[in-house]
Amino acid sequence: MSIGGVELGWERYIGFEGRFVGMHSFGASGKIADVYKKFDINADVVVRAAHETLADAAAL
């Protein structure tokens, strides 16, 4: 799982099945609160991604 600005490049670390919380494209700018809202970046999404990642790992 990765939490970062832009997704491009993170696949080498998280793999193609990994989870990424952040922007999926370039070009967005503005107040951080507006950008986070537009791209649904918040603690609930991070926690959900972590739980999903842990559940997948436990299933292996």
C-alpha atoms as a PDB file:
ATOM      1  CA  MET A   1       0.000   0.000   0.000  1.00  0.00           C
ATOM      2  CA  SER A   2       1.231   3.471  -0.796  1.00  0.00           C
ATOM      3  CA  ILE A   3       0.083   6.916   0.149  1.00  0.00           C
ATOM      4  CA  GLY A   4       1.547   9.519  -2.115  1.00  0.00           C
ATOM      5  CA  GLY A   5       1.085  12.429  -4.437  1.00  0.00           C
ATOM      6  CA  VAL A   6       0.842  10.827  -7.877  1.00  0.00           C
ATOM      7  CA  GLU A   7       0.497   7.111  -8.564  1.00  0.00           C
ATOM      8  CA  LEU A   8       2.938   6.994 -11.495  1.00  0.00           C
ATOM      9  CA  GLY A   9       6.050   5.098 -10.469  1.00  0.00           C
ATOM     10  CA  TRP A  10       4.707   3.569  -7.259  1.00  0.00           C
ATOM     11  CA  GLU A  11       3.744   0.304  -8.987  1.00  0.00           C
ATOM     12  CA  ARG A  12       7.376  -0.816  -8.745  1.00  0.00           C
ATOM     13  CA  TYR A  13       6.991  -0.809  -4.955  1.00  0.00           C
ATOM     14  CA  ILE A  14       3.364  -1.819  -4.463  1.00  0.00           C
ATOM     15  CA  GLY A  15       2.993  -4.065  -7.523  1.00  0.00           C
ATOM     16  CA  PHE A  16       0.126  -3.952  -9.942  1.00  0.00           C
ATOM     17  CA  GLU A  17      -2.211  -5.472  -7.347  1.00  0.00           C
ATOM     18  CA  GLY A  18      -1.161  -3.014  -4.630  1.00  0.00           C
ATOM     19  CA  ARG A  19      -3.301  -0.245  -3.250  1.00  0.00           C
ATOM     20  CA  PHE A  20      -2.538   3.420  -3.717  1.00  0.00           C
ATOM     21  CA  VAL A  21      -4.177   6.351  -1.968  1.00  0.00           C
ATOM     22  CA  GLY A  22      -3.494   9.604  -3.762  1.00  0.00           C
ATOM     23  CA  MET A  23      -3.861  11.348  -7.102  1.00  0.00           C
ATOM     24  CA  HIS A  24      -4.134   9.142 -10.169  1.00  0.00           C
ATOM     25  CA  SER A  25      -3.245  11.895 -12.637  1.00  0.00           C
ATOM     26  CA  PHE A  26      -1.119  14.986 -13.069  1.00  0.00           C
ATOM     27  CA  GLY A  27      -2.348  18.535 -13.296  1.00  0.00           C
ATOM     28  CA  ALA A  28      -4.447  18.936 -10.181  1.00  0.00           C
ATOM     29  CA  SER A  29      -3.561  21.858  -8.028  1.00  0.00           C
ATOM     30  CA  GLY A  30      -5.281  23.998  -5.479  1.00  0.00           C
ATOM     31  CA  LYS A  31      -5.790  24.180  -1.768  1.00  0.00           C
ATOM     32  CA  ILE A  32      -4.769  20.908  -0.163  1.00  0.00           C
ATOM     33  CA  ALA A  33      -8.211  20.385   1.396  1.00  0.00           C
ATOM     34  CA  ASP A  34      -9.855  20.775  -2.031  1.00  0.00           C
ATOM     35  CA  VAL A  35      -7.398  18.408  -3.730  1.00  0.00           C
ATOM     36  CA  TYR A  36      -7.797  15.781  -0.983  1.00  0.00           C
ATOM     37  CA  LYS A  37     -11.586  16.020  -1.278  1.00  0.00           C
ATOM     38  CA  LYS A  38     -11.532  15.748  -5.088  1.00  0.00           C
ATOM     39  CA  PHE A  39      -9.318  12.646  -5.015  1.00  0.00           C
ATOM     40  CA  ASP A  40     -10.967  11.118  -1.915  1.00  0.00           C
ATOM     41  CA  ILE A  41      -7.761  11.178   0.136  1.00  0.00           C
ATOM     42  CA  ASN A  42      -8.642  10.823   3.805  1.00  0.00           C
ATOM     43  CA  ALA A  43      -7.964   8.695   6.858  1.00  0.00           C
ATOM     44  CA  ASP A  44     -10.961   6.416   6.253  1.00  0.00           C
ATOM     45  CA  VAL A  45      -9.712   5.515   2.770  1.00  0.00           C
ATOM     46  CA  VAL A  46      -6.202   4.832   4.099  1.00  0.00           C
ATOM     47  CA  VAL A  47      -7.536   2.601   6.891  1.00  0.00           C
ATOM     48  CA  ARG A  48      -9.777   0.709   4.443  1.00  0.00           C
ATOM     49  CA  ALA A  49      -6.860   0.147   2.048  1.00  0.00           C
ATOM     50  CA  ALA A  50      -4.687  -1.100   4.924  1.00  0.00           C
ATOM     51  CA  HIS A  51      -7.377  -3.535   6.104  1.00  0.00           C
ATOM     52  CA  GLU A  52      -7.880  -4.828   2.560  1.00  0.00           C
ATOM     53  CA  THR A  53      -4.140  -5.304   2.118  1.00  0.00           C
ATOM     54  CA  LEU A  54      -3.856  -7.188   5.420  1.00  0.00           C
ATOM     55  CA  ALA A  55      -6.853  -9.377   4.534  1.00  0.00           C
ATOM     56  CA  ASP A  56      -5.290 -10.241   1.180  1.00  0.00           C
ATOM     57  CA  ALA A  57      -1.993 -11.115   2.867  1.00  0.00           C
ATOM     58  CA  ALA A  58      -3.746 -13.330   5.423  1.00  0.00           C
ATOM     59  CA  ALA A  59      -5.508 -15.205   2.624  1.00  0.00           C
ATOM     60  CA  LEU A  60      -2.192 -16.273   1.093  1.00  0.00           C
END
